[in-house]
Amino acid sequence: MAEKMDQYTGERRISHRLKVQIPVDVFYGARRHTLGEVVNLSRDGAAVDTLLPLTVGQLYRFHLHEFGAWAGIVIRRFGATRHGIRFDADERQKCRIDEVIRTILSNTKIDNGQSSMFTH
């Protein structure tokens, strides 16, 4: 996939983002910090809406319901509760995220050119 310039940070994004709606529990250390929803997902990161704000630069663990958990660093916040996350994942863990994306795509329908999830 071709690189794309991120409009907010100027960083080059290599992976494609998939629009999703996946419930997520966000942990800081051993404690659940807040709940939320992953609104887009790629092998390198995600956008997450949360009930409580997350700290930019902080490492959290994101438990995506039905799919698994990955550590990620908050790289930016949009408004009060939408966050850009970069996964702190090795290639093996990124391959697992790729599997999650394939699973989501296999449960997706196309309606007038828009994709939407049956569940999640």
PDB file of N, CA and C in Angstrom:
ATOM      1  N   MET A   1       0.841  -1.167   0.000  1.00  0.00           N
ATOM      2  CA  MET A   1       0.000   0.000   0.000  1.00  0.00           C
ATOM      3  C   MET A   1       0.886   1.230   0.000  1.00  0.00           C
ATOM      4  N   ALA A   2       0.477   2.232  -0.752  1.00  0.00           N
ATOM      5  CA  ALA A   2       1.249   3.467  -0.849  1.00  0.00           C
ATOM      6  C   ALA A   2       1.167   4.239   0.456  1.00  0.00           C
ATOM      7  N   GLU A   3       2.233   5.014   0.705  1.00  0.00           N
ATOM      8  CA  GLU A   3       2.239   5.836   1.903  1.00  0.00           C
ATOM      9  C   GLU A   3       1.272   6.997   1.738  1.00  0.00           C
ATOM     10  N   LYS A   4       0.698   7.456   2.848  1.00  0.00           N
ATOM     11  CA  LYS A   4      -0.210   8.594   2.860  1.00  0.00           C
ATOM     12  C   LYS A   4       0.215   9.520   3.984  1.00  0.00           C
ATOM     13  N   MET A   5       0.256  10.813   3.705  1.00  0.00           N
ATOM     14  CA  MET A   5       0.649  11.789   4.714  1.00  0.00           C
ATOM     15  C   MET A   5      -0.496  11.987   5.699  1.00  0.00           C
ATOM     16  N   ASP A   6      -0.211  11.861   6.997  1.00  0.00           N
ATOM     17  CA  ASP A   6      -1.206  12.116   8.037  1.00  0.00           C
ATOM     18  C   ASP A   6      -1.410  13.624   8.127  1.00  0.00           C
ATOM     19  N   GLN A   7      -2.659  14.072   8.004  1.00  0.00           N
ATOM     20  CA  GLN A   7      -2.938  15.503   7.962  1.00  0.00           C
ATOM     21  C   GLN A   7      -2.661  16.220   9.277  1.00  0.00           C
ATOM     22  N   TYR A   8      -2.584  15.499  10.392  1.00  0.00           N
ATOM     23  CA  TYR A   8      -2.402  16.135  11.692  1.00  0.00           C
ATOM     24  C   TYR A   8      -0.952  16.158  12.151  1.00  0.00           C
ATOM     25  N   THR A   9      -0.214  15.119  11.866  1.00  0.00           N
ATOM     26  CA  THR A   9       1.147  15.038  12.396  1.00  0.00           C
ATOM     27  C   THR A   9       2.221  15.177  11.331  1.00  0.00           C
ATOM     28  N   GLY A  10       1.830  15.060  10.060  1.00  0.00           N
ATOM     29  CA  GLY A  10       2.821  15.102   8.999  1.00  0.00           C
ATOM     30  C   GLY A  10       3.572  13.790   8.852  1.00  0.00           C
ATOM     31  N   GLU A  11       3.203  12.768   9.637  1.00  0.00           N
ATOM     32  CA  GLU A  11       3.857  11.465   9.546  1.00  0.00           C
ATOM     33  C   GLU A  11       3.345  10.717   8.327  1.00  0.00           C
ATOM     34  N   ARG A  12       4.177   9.819   7.818  1.00  0.00           N
ATOM     35  CA  ARG A  12       3.766   8.969   6.712  1.00  0.00           C
ATOM     36  C   ARG A  12       3.044   7.757   7.259  1.00  0.00           C
ATOM     37  N   ARG A  13       1.819   7.544   6.781  1.00  0.00           N
ATOM     38  CA  ARG A  13       1.036   6.379   7.179  1.00  0.00           C
ATOM     39  C   ARG A  13       1.133   5.359   6.054  1.00  0.00           C
ATOM     40  N   ILE A  14       1.515   4.127   6.389  1.00  0.00           N
ATOM     41  CA  ILE A  14       1.661   3.077   5.389  1.00  0.00           C
ATOM     42  C   ILE A  14       0.424   2.191   5.352  1.00  0.00           C
ATOM     43  N   SER A  15      -0.166   1.907   6.488  1.00  0.00           N
ATOM     44  CA  SER A  15      -1.279   0.958   6.538  1.00  0.00           C
ATOM     45  C   SER A  15      -2.622   1.649   6.340  1.00  0.00           C
ATOM     46  N   HIS A  16      -3.543   0.922   5.738  1.00  0.00           N
ATOM     47  CA  HIS A  16      -4.894   1.410   5.469  1.00  0.00           C
ATOM     48  C   HIS A  16      -5.743   1.302   6.732  1.00  0.00           C
ATOM     49  N   ARG A  17      -6.616   2.271   6.962  1.00  0.00           N
ATOM     50  CA  ARG A  17      -7.510   2.245   8.122  1.00  0.00           C
ATOM     51  C   ARG A  17      -8.881   1.759   7.699  1.00  0.00           C
ATOM     52  N   LEU A  18      -9.447   0.907   8.539  1.00  0.00           N
ATOM     53  CA  LEU A  18     -10.767   0.335   8.311  1.00  0.00           C
ATOM     54  C   LEU A  18     -11.740   0.938   9.312  1.00  0.00           C
ATOM     55  N   LYS A  19     -12.862   1.467   8.816  1.00  0.00           N
ATOM     56  CA  LYS A  19     -13.900   1.989   9.710  1.00  0.00           C
ATOM     57  C   LYS A  19     -14.560   0.827  10.430  1.00  0.00           C
ATOM     58  N   VAL A  20     -14.644   0.924  11.770  1.00  0.00           N
ATOM     59  CA  VAL A  20     -15.224  -0.148  12.587  1.00  0.00           C
ATOM     60  C   VAL A  20     -16.021   0.457  13.733  1.00  0.00           C
ATOM     61  N   GLN A  21     -16.710  -0.395  14.458  1.00  0.00           N
ATOM     62  CA  GLN A  21     -17.360  -0.042  15.719  1.00  0.00           C
ATOM     63  C   GLN A  21     -17.146  -1.219  16.659  1.00  0.00           C
ATOM     64  N   ILE A  22     -16.057  -1.167  17.426  1.00  0.00           N
ATOM     65  CA  ILE A  22     -15.693  -2.268  18.310  1.00  0.00           C
ATOM     66  C   ILE A  22     -15.602  -1.737  19.742  1.00  0.00           C
ATOM     67  N   PRO A  23     -16.394  -2.281  20.658  1.00  0.00           N
ATOM     68  CA  PRO A  23     -16.260  -1.877  22.062  1.00  0.00           C
ATOM     69  C   PRO A  23     -14.849  -2.185  22.569  1.00  0.00           C
ATOM     70  N   VAL A  24     -14.330  -1.302  23.424  1.00  0.00           N
ATOM     71  CA  VAL A  24     -12.976  -1.464  23.942  1.00  0.00           C
ATOM     72  C   VAL A  24     -12.941  -1.076  25.415  1.00  0.00           C
ATOM     73  N   ASP A  25     -12.177  -1.854  26.190  1.00  0.00           N
ATOM     74  CA  ASP A  25     -11.829  -1.500  27.566  1.00  0.00           C
ATOM     75  C   ASP A  25     -10.397  -0.993  27.515  1.00  0.00           C
ATOM     76  N   VAL A  26     -10.145   0.138  28.147  1.00  0.00           N
ATOM     77  CA  VAL A  26      -8.812   0.735  28.147  1.00  0.00           C
ATOM     78  C   VAL A  26      -8.223   0.600  29.548  1.00  0.00           C
ATOM     79  N   PHE A  27      -7.051  -0.056  29.622  1.00  0.00           N
ATOM     80  CA  PHE A  27      -6.382  -0.289  30.894  1.00  0.00           C
ATOM     81  C   PHE A  27      -5.108   0.532  30.995  1.00  0.00           C
ATOM     82  N   TYR A  28      -4.870   1.044  32.200  1.00  0.00           N
ATOM     83  CA  TYR A  28      -3.604   1.681  32.539  1.00  0.00           C
ATOM     84  C   TYR A  28      -3.036   0.861  33.686  1.00  0.00           C
ATOM     85  N   GLY A  29      -1.934   0.178  33.436  1.00  0.00           N
ATOM     86  CA  GLY A  29      -1.423  -0.776  34.419  1.00  0.00           C
ATOM     87  C   GLY A  29      -2.414  -1.922  34.525  1.00  0.00           C
ATOM     88  N   ALA A  30      -2.735  -2.316  35.748  1.00  0.00           N
ATOM     89  CA  ALA A  30      -3.656  -3.441  35.968  1.00  0.00           C
ATOM     90  C   ALA A  30      -5.112  -2.994  36.116  1.00  0.00           C
ATOM     91  N   ARG A  31      -5.361  -1.683  36.071  1.00  0.00           N
ATOM     92  CA  ARG A  31      -6.709  -1.169  36.317  1.00  0.00           C
ATOM     93  C   ARG A  31      -7.372  -0.668  35.042  1.00  0.00           C
ATOM     94  N   ARG A  32      -8.679  -0.939  34.944  1.00  0.00           N
ATOM     95  CA  ARG A  32      -9.426  -0.393  33.814  1.00  0.00           C
ATOM     96  C   ARG A  32      -9.566   1.105  34.027  1.00  0.00           C
ATOM     97  N   HIS A  33      -9.138   1.861  33.049  1.00  0.00           N
ATOM     98  CA  HIS A  33      -9.180   3.319  33.116  1.00  0.00           C
ATOM     99  C   HIS A  33     -10.509   3.858  32.589  1.00  0.00           C
ATOM    100  N   THR A  34     -10.979   3.320  31.467  1.00  0.00           N
ATOM    101  CA  THR A  34     -12.213   3.797  30.861  1.00  0.00           C
ATOM    102  C   THR A  34     -12.715   2.798  29.831  1.00  0.00           C
ATOM    103  N   LEU A  35     -13.899   3.069  29.326  1.00  0.00           N
ATOM    104  CA  LEU A  35     -14.517   2.282  28.255  1.00  0.00           C
ATOM    105  C   LEU A  35     -14.597   3.151  27.017  1.00  0.00           C
ATOM    106  N   GLY A  36     -14.797   2.494  25.880  1.00  0.00           N
ATOM    107  CA  GLY A  36     -14.930   3.275  24.665  1.00  0.00           C
ATOM    108  C   GLY A  36     -15.263   2.419  23.467  1.00  0.00           C
ATOM    109  N   GLU A  37     -14.950   2.980  22.305  1.00  0.00           N
ATOM    110  CA  GLU A  37     -15.221   2.303  21.044  1.00  0.00           C
ATOM    111  C   GLU A  37     -14.102   2.623  20.063  1.00  0.00           C
ATOM    112  N   VAL A  38     -13.577   1.572  19.427  1.00  0.00           N
ATOM    113  CA  VAL A  38     -12.623   1.760  18.340  1.00  0.00           C
ATOM    114  C   VAL A  38     -13.442   2.147  17.113  1.00  0.00           C
ATOM    115  N   VAL A  39     -13.087   3.271  16.476  1.00  0.00           N
ATOM    116  CA  VAL A  39     -13.856   3.742  15.322  1.00  0.00           C
ATOM    117  C   VAL A  39     -13.120   3.546  14.001  1.00  0.00           C
ATOM    118  N   ASN A  40     -11.816   3.347  14.057  1.00  0.00           N
ATOM    119  CA  ASN A  40     -11.090   2.855  12.885  1.00  0.00           C
ATOM    120  C   ASN A  40      -9.870   2.096  13.365  1.00  0.00           C
ATOM    121  N   LEU A  41      -9.424   1.173  12.511  1.00  0.00           N
ATOM    122  CA  LEU A  41      -8.384   0.229  12.903  1.00  0.00           C
ATOM    123  C   LEU A  41      -7.457  -0.036  11.739  1.00  0.00           C
ATOM    124  N   SER A  42      -6.172  -0.091  12.033  1.00  0.00           N
ATOM    125  CA  SER A  42      -5.172  -0.530  11.055  1.00  0.00           C
ATOM    126  C   SER A  42      -4.167  -1.399  11.790  1.00  0.00           C
ATOM    127  N   ARG A  43      -3.257  -1.997  11.054  1.00  0.00           N
ATOM    128  CA  ARG A  43      -2.256  -2.852  11.694  1.00  0.00           C
ATOM    129  C   ARG A  43      -1.315  -2.045  12.588  1.00  0.00           C
ATOM    130  N   ASP A  44      -1.266  -0.748  12.388  1.00  0.00           N
ATOM    131  CA  ASP A  44      -0.346   0.093  13.154  1.00  0.00           C
ATOM    132  C   ASP A  44      -1.000   0.890  14.269  1.00  0.00           C
ATOM    133  N   GLY A  45      -2.333   1.037  14.232  1.00  0.00           N
ATOM    134  CA  GLY A  45      -2.969   1.849  15.252  1.00  0.00           C
ATOM    135  C   GLY A  45      -4.471   1.903  15.090  1.00  0.00           C
ATOM    136  N   ALA A  46      -5.071   2.848  15.811  1.00  0.00           N
ATOM    137  CA  ALA A  46      -6.526   2.958  15.816  1.00  0.00           C
ATOM    138  C   ALA A  46      -6.922   4.364  16.233  1.00  0.00           C
ATOM    139  N   ALA A  47      -8.181   4.698  15.934  1.00  0.00           N
ATOM    140  CA  ALA A  47      -8.820   5.868  16.528  1.00  0.00           C
ATOM    141  C   ALA A  47      -9.827   5.326  17.529  1.00  0.00           C
ATOM    142  N   VAL A  48      -9.811   5.882  18.732  1.00  0.00           N
ATOM    143  CA  VAL A  48     -10.644   5.369  19.818  1.00  0.00           C
ATOM    144  C   VAL A  48     -11.405   6.524  20.464  1.00  0.00           C
ATOM    145  N   ASP A  49     -12.727   6.359  20.570  1.00  0.00           N
ATOM    146  CA  ASP A  49     -13.548   7.276  21.353  1.00  0.00           C
ATOM    147  C   ASP A  49     -13.677   6.681  22.753  1.00  0.00           C
ATOM    148  N   THR A  50     -13.460   7.494  23.780  1.00  0.00           N
ATOM    149  CA  THR A  50     -13.516   6.996  25.159  1.00  0.00           C
ATOM    150  C   THR A  50     -14.426   7.874  26.010  1.00  0.00           C
ATOM    151  N   LEU A  51     -14.906   7.307  27.113  1.00  0.00           N
ATOM    152  CA  LEU A  51     -15.735   8.078  28.042  1.00  0.00           C
ATOM    153  C   LEU A  51     -14.908   9.116  28.790  1.00  0.00           C
ATOM    154  N   LEU A  52     -13.666   8.758  29.132  1.00  0.00           N
ATOM    155  CA  LEU A  52     -12.751   9.673  29.817  1.00  0.00           C
ATOM    156  C   LEU A  52     -11.561   9.961  28.916  1.00  0.00           C
ATOM    157  N   PRO A  53     -10.961  11.146  29.019  1.00  0.00           N
ATOM    158  CA  PRO A  53      -9.790  11.453  28.200  1.00  0.00           C
ATOM    159  C   PRO A  53      -8.589  10.586  28.568  1.00  0.00           C
ATOM    160  N   LEU A  54      -7.761  10.315  27.572  1.00  0.00           N
ATOM    161  CA  LEU A  54      -6.496   9.609  27.763  1.00  0.00           C
ATOM    162  C   LEU A  54      -5.371  10.633  27.668  1.00  0.00           C
ATOM    163  N   THR A  55      -4.236  10.312  28.260  1.00  0.00           N
ATOM    164  CA  THR A  55      -3.085  11.213  28.277  1.00  0.00           C
ATOM    165  C   THR A  55      -2.212  10.978  27.052  1.00  0.00           C
ATOM    166  N   VAL A  56      -1.982  12.033  26.277  1.00  0.00           N
ATOM    167  CA  VAL A  56      -1.108  11.934  25.108  1.00  0.00           C
ATOM    168  C   VAL A  56       0.289  11.551  25.573  1.00  0.00           C
ATOM    169  N   GLY A  57       0.887  10.578  24.883  1.00  0.00           N
ATOM    170  CA  GLY A  57       2.219  10.084  25.220  1.00  0.00           C
ATOM    171  C   GLY A  57       2.210   8.904  26.175  1.00  0.00           C
ATOM    172  N   GLN A  58       1.049   8.597  26.749  1.00  0.00           N
ATOM    173  CA  GLN A  58       0.926   7.506  27.733  1.00  0.00           C
ATOM    174  C   GLN A  58       0.661   6.173  27.027  1.00  0.00           C
ATOM    175  N   LEU A  59       1.222   5.105  27.574  1.00  0.00           N
ATOM    176  CA  LEU A  59       0.995   3.743  27.096  1.00  0.00           C
ATOM    177  C   LEU A  59      -0.191   3.139  27.840  1.00  0.00           C
ATOM    178  N   TYR A  60      -1.163   2.614  27.094  1.00  0.00           N
ATOM    179  CA  TYR A  60      -2.336   1.939  27.655  1.00  0.00           C
ATOM    180  C   TYR A  60      -2.442   0.569  27.005  1.00  0.00           C
ATOM    181  N   ARG A  61      -3.302  -0.255  27.547  1.00  0.00           N
ATOM    182  CA  ARG A  61      -3.620  -1.553  26.934  1.00  0.00           C
ATOM    183  C   ARG A  61      -5.080  -1.486  26.493  1.00  0.00           C
ATOM    184  N   PHE A  62      -5.321  -1.828  25.223  1.00  0.00           N
ATOM    185  CA  PHE A  62      -6.643  -1.729  24.616  1.00  0.00           C
ATOM    186  C   PHE A  62      -7.190  -3.130  24.383  1.00  0.00           C
ATOM    187  N   HIS A  63      -8.259  -3.474  25.107  1.00  0.00           N
ATOM    188  CA  HIS A  63      -8.900  -4.786  25.000  1.00  0.00           C
ATOM    189  C   HIS A  63     -10.101  -4.648  24.073  1.00  0.00           C
ATOM    190  N   LEU A  64      -9.927  -5.063  22.828  1.00  0.00           N
ATOM    191  CA  LEU A  64     -11.003  -5.010  21.847  1.00  0.00           C
ATOM    192  C   LEU A  64     -11.897  -6.219  22.055  1.00  0.00           C
ATOM    193  N   HIS A  65     -13.150  -5.976  22.404  1.00  0.00           N
ATOM    194  CA  HIS A  65     -14.091  -7.063  22.691  1.00  0.00           C
ATOM    195  C   HIS A  65     -14.116  -8.056  21.535  1.00  0.00           C
ATOM    196  N   GLU A  66     -13.995  -9.326  21.876  1.00  0.00           N
ATOM    197  CA  GLU A  66     -14.034 -10.464  20.952  1.00  0.00           C
ATOM    198  C   GLU A  66     -12.775 -10.635  20.102  1.00  0.00           C
ATOM    199  N   PHE A  67     -11.809  -9.697  20.175  1.00  0.00           N
ATOM    200  CA  PHE A  67     -10.686  -9.764  19.255  1.00  0.00           C
ATOM    201  C   PHE A  67      -9.312  -9.858  19.899  1.00  0.00           C
ATOM    202  N   GLY A  68      -9.148  -9.413  21.126  1.00  0.00           N
ATOM    203  CA  GLY A  68      -7.834  -9.466  21.746  1.00  0.00           C
ATOM    204  C   GLY A  68      -7.422  -8.116  22.312  1.00  0.00           C
ATOM    205  N   ALA A  69      -6.191  -8.056  22.798  1.00  0.00           N
ATOM    206  CA  ALA A  69      -5.692  -6.854  23.457  1.00  0.00           C
ATOM    207  C   ALA A  69      -4.305  -6.503  22.932  1.00  0.00           C
ATOM    208  N   TRP A  70      -4.064  -5.196  22.786  1.00  0.00           N
ATOM    209  CA  TRP A  70      -2.782  -4.693  22.335  1.00  0.00           C
ATOM    210  C   TRP A  70      -2.420  -3.448  23.116  1.00  0.00           C
ATOM    211  N   ALA A  71      -1.126  -3.282  23.369  1.00  0.00           N
ATOM    212  CA  ALA A  71      -0.635  -2.057  23.990  1.00  0.00           C
ATOM    213  C   ALA A  71      -0.537  -0.987  22.915  1.00  0.00           C
ATOM    214  N   GLY A  72      -0.782   0.259  23.321  1.00  0.00           N
ATOM    215  CA  GLY A  72      -0.671   1.356  22.372  1.00  0.00           C
ATOM    216  C   GLY A  72      -0.399   2.669  23.078  1.00  0.00           C
ATOM    217  N   ILE A  73       0.253   3.554  22.369  1.00  0.00           N
ATOM    218  CA  ILE A  73       0.593   4.874  22.881  1.00  0.00           C
ATOM    219  C   ILE A  73      -0.362   5.887  22.263  1.00  0.00           C
ATOM    220  N   VAL A  74      -0.905   6.764  23.093  1.00  0.00           N
ATOM    221  CA  VAL A  74      -1.767   7.830  22.601  1.00  0.00           C
ATOM    222  C   VAL A  74      -0.862   8.868  21.933  1.00  0.00           C
ATOM    223  N   ILE A  75      -1.048   9.074  20.631  1.00  0.00           N
ATOM    224  CA  ILE A  75      -0.181  10.024  19.918  1.00  0.00           C
ATOM    225  C   ILE A  75      -0.843  11.376  19.706  1.00  0.00           C
ATOM    226  N   ARG A  76      -2.184  11.433  19.830  1.00  0.00           N
ATOM    227  CA  ARG A  76      -2.877  12.710  19.758  1.00  0.00           C
ATOM    228  C   ARG A  76      -4.320  12.555  20.240  1.00  0.00           C
ATOM    229  N   ARG A  77      -4.928  13.695  20.540  1.00  0.00           N
ATOM    230  CA  ARG A  77      -6.333  13.698  20.955  1.00  0.00           C
ATOM    231  C   ARG A  77      -7.072  14.680  20.051  1.00  0.00           C
ATOM    232  N   PHE A  78      -8.256  14.268  19.625  1.00  0.00           N
ATOM    233  CA  PHE A  78      -9.132  15.122  18.829  1.00  0.00           C
ATOM    234  C   PHE A  78     -10.318  15.470  19.714  1.00  0.00           C
ATOM    235  N   GLY A  79     -10.487  16.712  20.068  1.00  0.00           N
ATOM    236  CA  GLY A  79     -11.556  17.077  20.995  1.00  0.00           C
ATOM    237  C   GLY A  79     -11.261  16.493  22.359  1.00  0.00           C
ATOM    238  N   ALA A  80     -12.319  16.222  23.104  1.00  0.00           N
ATOM    239  CA  ALA A  80     -12.141  15.758  24.480  1.00  0.00           C
ATOM    240  C   ALA A  80     -11.882  14.266  24.585  1.00  0.00           C
ATOM    241  N   THR A  81     -12.492  13.466  23.699  1.00  0.00           N
ATOM    242  CA  THR A  81     -12.454  12.016  23.949  1.00  0.00           C
ATOM    243  C   THR A  81     -12.175  11.146  22.732  1.00  0.00           C
ATOM    244  N   ARG A  82     -11.715  11.682  21.621  1.00  0.00           N
ATOM    245  CA  ARG A  82     -11.267  10.847  20.499  1.00  0.00           C
ATOM    246  C   ARG A  82      -9.747  10.908  20.463  1.00  0.00           C
ATOM    247  N   HIS A  83      -9.133   9.718  20.327  1.00  0.00           N
ATOM    248  CA  HIS A  83      -7.681   9.611  20.436  1.00  0.00           C
ATOM    249  C   HIS A  83      -7.094   8.822  19.276  1.00  0.00           C
ATOM    250  N   GLY A  84      -5.936   9.258  18.822  1.00  0.00           N
ATOM    251  CA  GLY A  84      -5.147   8.495  17.864  1.00  0.00           C
ATOM    252  C   GLY A  84      -4.163   7.636  18.634  1.00  0.00           C
ATOM    253  N   ILE A  85      -4.170   6.333  18.347  1.00  0.00           N
ATOM    254  CA  ILE A  85      -3.336   5.361  19.060  1.00  0.00           C
ATOM    255  C   ILE A  85      -2.354   4.729  18.077  1.00  0.00           C
ATOM    256  N   ARG A  86      -1.098   4.611  18.480  1.00  0.00           N
ATOM    257  CA  ARG A  86      -0.117   3.826  17.720  1.00  0.00           C
ATOM    258  C   ARG A  86       0.172   2.578  18.539  1.00  0.00           C
ATOM    259  N   PHE A  87      -0.106   1.410  17.947  1.00  0.00           N
ATOM    260  CA  PHE A  87       0.134   0.166  18.669  1.00  0.00           C
ATOM    261  C   PHE A  87       1.615  -0.035  18.918  1.00  0.00           C
ATOM    262  N   ASP A  88       1.943  -0.491  20.107  1.00  0.00           N
ATOM    263  CA  ASP A  88       3.300  -0.869  20.489  1.00  0.00           C
ATOM    264  C   ASP A  88       3.384  -2.378  20.289  1.00  0.00           C
ATOM    265  N   ALA A  89       3.507  -2.777  19.010  1.00  0.00           N
ATOM    266  CA  ALA A  89       3.368  -4.191  18.650  1.00  0.00           C
ATOM    267  C   ALA A  89       4.506  -4.632  17.741  1.00  0.00           C
ATOM    268  N   ASP A  90       4.981  -5.860  17.966  1.00  0.00           N
ATOM    269  CA  ASP A  90       5.980  -6.431  17.070  1.00  0.00           C
ATOM    270  C   ASP A  90       5.265  -7.015  15.845  1.00  0.00           C
ATOM    271  N   GLU A  91       6.020  -7.527  14.903  1.00  0.00           N
ATOM    272  CA  GLU A  91       5.437  -8.028  13.651  1.00  0.00           C
ATOM    273  C   GLU A  91       4.457  -9.176  13.890  1.00  0.00           C
ATOM    274  N   ARG A  92       4.735 -10.038  14.843  1.00  0.00           N
ATOM    275  CA  ARG A  92       3.810 -11.139  15.151  1.00  0.00           C
ATOM    276  C   ARG A  92       2.470 -10.601  15.630  1.00  0.00           C
ATOM    277  N   GLN A  93       2.515  -9.599  16.499  1.00  0.00           N
ATOM    278  CA  GLN A  93       1.275  -8.999  16.999  1.00  0.00           C
ATOM    279  C   GLN A  93       0.536  -8.248  15.891  1.00  0.00           C
ATOM    280  N   LYS A  94       1.284  -7.606  15.000  1.00  0.00           N
ATOM    281  CA  LYS A  94       0.657  -6.919  13.873  1.00  0.00           C
ATOM    282  C   LYS A  94      -0.012  -7.917  12.926  1.00  0.00           C
ATOM    283  N   CYS A  95       0.576  -9.092  12.776  1.00  0.00           N
ATOM    284  CA  CYS A  95      -0.063 -10.139  11.968  1.00  0.00           C
ATOM    285  C   CYS A  95      -1.382 -10.566  12.598  1.00  0.00           C
ATOM    286  N   ARG A  96      -1.448 -10.585  13.915  1.00  0.00           N
ATOM    287  CA  ARG A  96      -2.709 -10.897  14.603  1.00  0.00           C
ATOM    288  C   ARG A  96      -3.752  -9.804  14.345  1.00  0.00           C
ATOM    289  N   ILE A  97      -3.321  -8.547  14.331  1.00  0.00           N
ATOM    290  CA  ILE A  97      -4.232  -7.450  13.998  1.00  0.00           C
ATOM    291  C   ILE A  97      -4.726  -7.603  12.563  1.00  0.00           C
ATOM    292  N   ASP A  98      -3.825  -7.997  11.654  1.00  0.00           N
ATOM    293  CA  ASP A  98      -4.240  -8.261  10.267  1.00  0.00           C
ATOM    294  C   ASP A  98      -5.332  -9.327  10.223  1.00  0.00           C
ATOM    295  N   GLU A  99      -5.205 -10.366  11.048  1.00  0.00           N
ATOM    296  CA  GLU A  99      -6.239 -11.412  11.121  1.00  0.00           C
ATOM    297  C   GLU A  99      -7.564 -10.837  11.606  1.00  0.00           C
ATOM    298  N   VAL A 100      -7.508  -9.956  12.604  1.00  0.00           N
ATOM    299  CA  VAL A 100      -8.722  -9.309  13.110  1.00  0.00           C
ATOM    300  C   VAL A 100      -9.379  -8.505  11.988  1.00  0.00           C
ATOM    301  N   ILE A 101      -8.597  -7.750  11.245  1.00  0.00           N
ATOM    302  CA  ILE A 101      -9.133  -6.947  10.139  1.00  0.00           C
ATOM    303  C   ILE A 101      -9.769  -7.842   9.087  1.00  0.00           C
ATOM    304  N   ARG A 102      -9.116  -8.950   8.747  1.00  0.00           N
ATOM    305  CA  ARG A 102      -9.709  -9.890   7.776  1.00  0.00           C
ATOM    306  C   ARG A 102     -11.024 -10.461   8.298  1.00  0.00           C
ATOM    307  N   THR A 103     -11.083 -10.764   9.592  1.00  0.00           N
ATOM    308  CA  THR A 103     -12.316 -11.276  10.194  1.00  0.00           C
ATOM    309  C   THR A 103     -13.428 -10.235  10.091  1.00  0.00           C
ATOM    310  N   ILE A 104     -13.106  -9.003  10.393  1.00  0.00           N
ATOM    311  CA  ILE A 104     -14.101  -7.924  10.304  1.00  0.00           C
ATOM    312  C   ILE A 104     -14.572  -7.767   8.865  1.00  0.00           C
ATOM    313  N   LEU A 105     -13.645  -7.766   7.934  1.00  0.00           N
ATOM    314  CA  LEU A 105     -14.021  -7.619   6.525  1.00  0.00           C
ATOM    315  C   LEU A 105     -14.915  -8.759   6.049  1.00  0.00           C
ATOM    316  N   SER A 106     -14.704  -9.954   6.574  1.00  0.00           N
ATOM    317  CA  SER A 106     -15.544 -11.082   6.164  1.00  0.00           C
ATOM    318  C   SER A 106     -16.953 -10.969   6.730  1.00  0.00           C
ATOM    319  N   ASN A 107     -17.150 -10.103   7.741  1.00  0.00           N
ATOM    320  CA  ASN A 107     -18.471  -9.871   8.340  1.00  0.00           C
ATOM    321  C   ASN A 107     -19.043  -8.518   7.934  1.00  0.00           C
ATOM    322  N   THR A 108     -18.556  -7.951   6.826  1.00  0.00           N
ATOM    323  CA  THR A 108     -18.955  -6.628   6.380  1.00  0.00           C
ATOM    324  C   THR A 108     -19.781  -6.734   5.119  1.00  0.00           C
ATOM    325  N   LYS A 109     -20.808  -5.904   5.021  1.00  0.00           N
ATOM    326  CA  LYS A 109     -21.591  -5.844   3.789  1.00  0.00           C
ATOM    327  C   LYS A 109     -21.320  -4.516   3.097  1.00  0.00           C
ATOM    328  N   ILE A 110     -21.521  -4.482   1.807  1.00  0.00           N
ATOM    329  CA  ILE A 110     -21.360  -3.259   1.036  1.00  0.00           C
ATOM    330  C   ILE A 110     -22.758  -2.764   0.664  1.00  0.00           C
ATOM    331  N   ASP A 111     -23.053  -1.519   1.012  1.00  0.00           N
ATOM    332  CA  ASP A 111     -24.358  -0.934   0.750  1.00  0.00           C
ATOM    333  C   ASP A 111     -24.140   0.439   0.118  1.00  0.00           C
ATOM    334  N   ASN A 112     -24.406   0.560  -1.177  1.00  0.00           N
ATOM    335  CA  ASN A 112     -24.200   1.816  -1.905  1.00  0.00           C
ATOM    336  C   ASN A 112     -22.772   2.330  -1.762  1.00  0.00           C
ATOM    337  N   GLY A 113     -21.802   1.430  -1.813  1.00  0.00           N
ATOM    338  CA  GLY A 113     -20.404   1.827  -1.744  1.00  0.00           C
ATOM    339  C   GLY A 113     -19.904   2.074  -0.341  1.00  0.00           C
ATOM    340  N   GLN A 114     -20.742   1.956   0.672  1.00  0.00           N
ATOM    341  CA  GLN A 114     -20.330   2.161   2.060  1.00  0.00           C
ATOM    342  C   GLN A 114     -20.260   0.807   2.750  1.00  0.00           C
ATOM    343  N   SER A 115     -19.238   0.602   3.556  1.00  0.00           N
ATOM    344  CA  SER A 115     -19.175  -0.639   4.314  1.00  0.00           C
ATOM    345  C   SER A 115     -19.756  -0.398   5.690  1.00  0.00           C
ATOM    346  N   SER A 116     -20.449  -1.400   6.210  1.00  0.00           N
ATOM    347  CA  SER A 116     -21.014  -1.303   7.560  1.00  0.00           C
ATOM    348  C   SER A 116     -20.925  -2.650   8.227  1.00  0.00           C
ATOM    349  N   MET A 117     -20.783  -2.627   9.525  1.00  0.00           N
ATOM    350  CA  MET A 117     -20.639  -3.870  10.279  1.00  0.00           C
ATOM    351  C   MET A 117     -22.007  -4.444  10.592  1.00  0.00           C
ATOM    352  N   PHE A 118     -22.127  -5.769  10.499  1.00  0.00           N
ATOM    353  CA  PHE A 118     -23.340  -6.447  10.941  1.00  0.00           C
ATOM    354  C   PHE A 118     -23.436  -6.401  12.465  1.00  0.00           C
ATOM    355  N   THR A 119     -22.290  -6.640  13.135  1.00  0.00           N
ATOM    356  CA  THR A 119     -22.260  -6.642  14.593  1.00  0.00           C
ATOM    357  C   THR A 119     -21.055  -5.843  15.052  1.00  0.00           C
ATOM    358  N   HIS A 120     -20.910  -5.709  16.331  1.00  0.00           N
ATOM    359  CA  HIS A 120     -19.815  -5.019  17.019  1.00  0.00           C
ATOM    360  C   HIS A 120     -20.279  -3.641  17.306  1.00  0.00           C
TER     361      HIS A 120
END
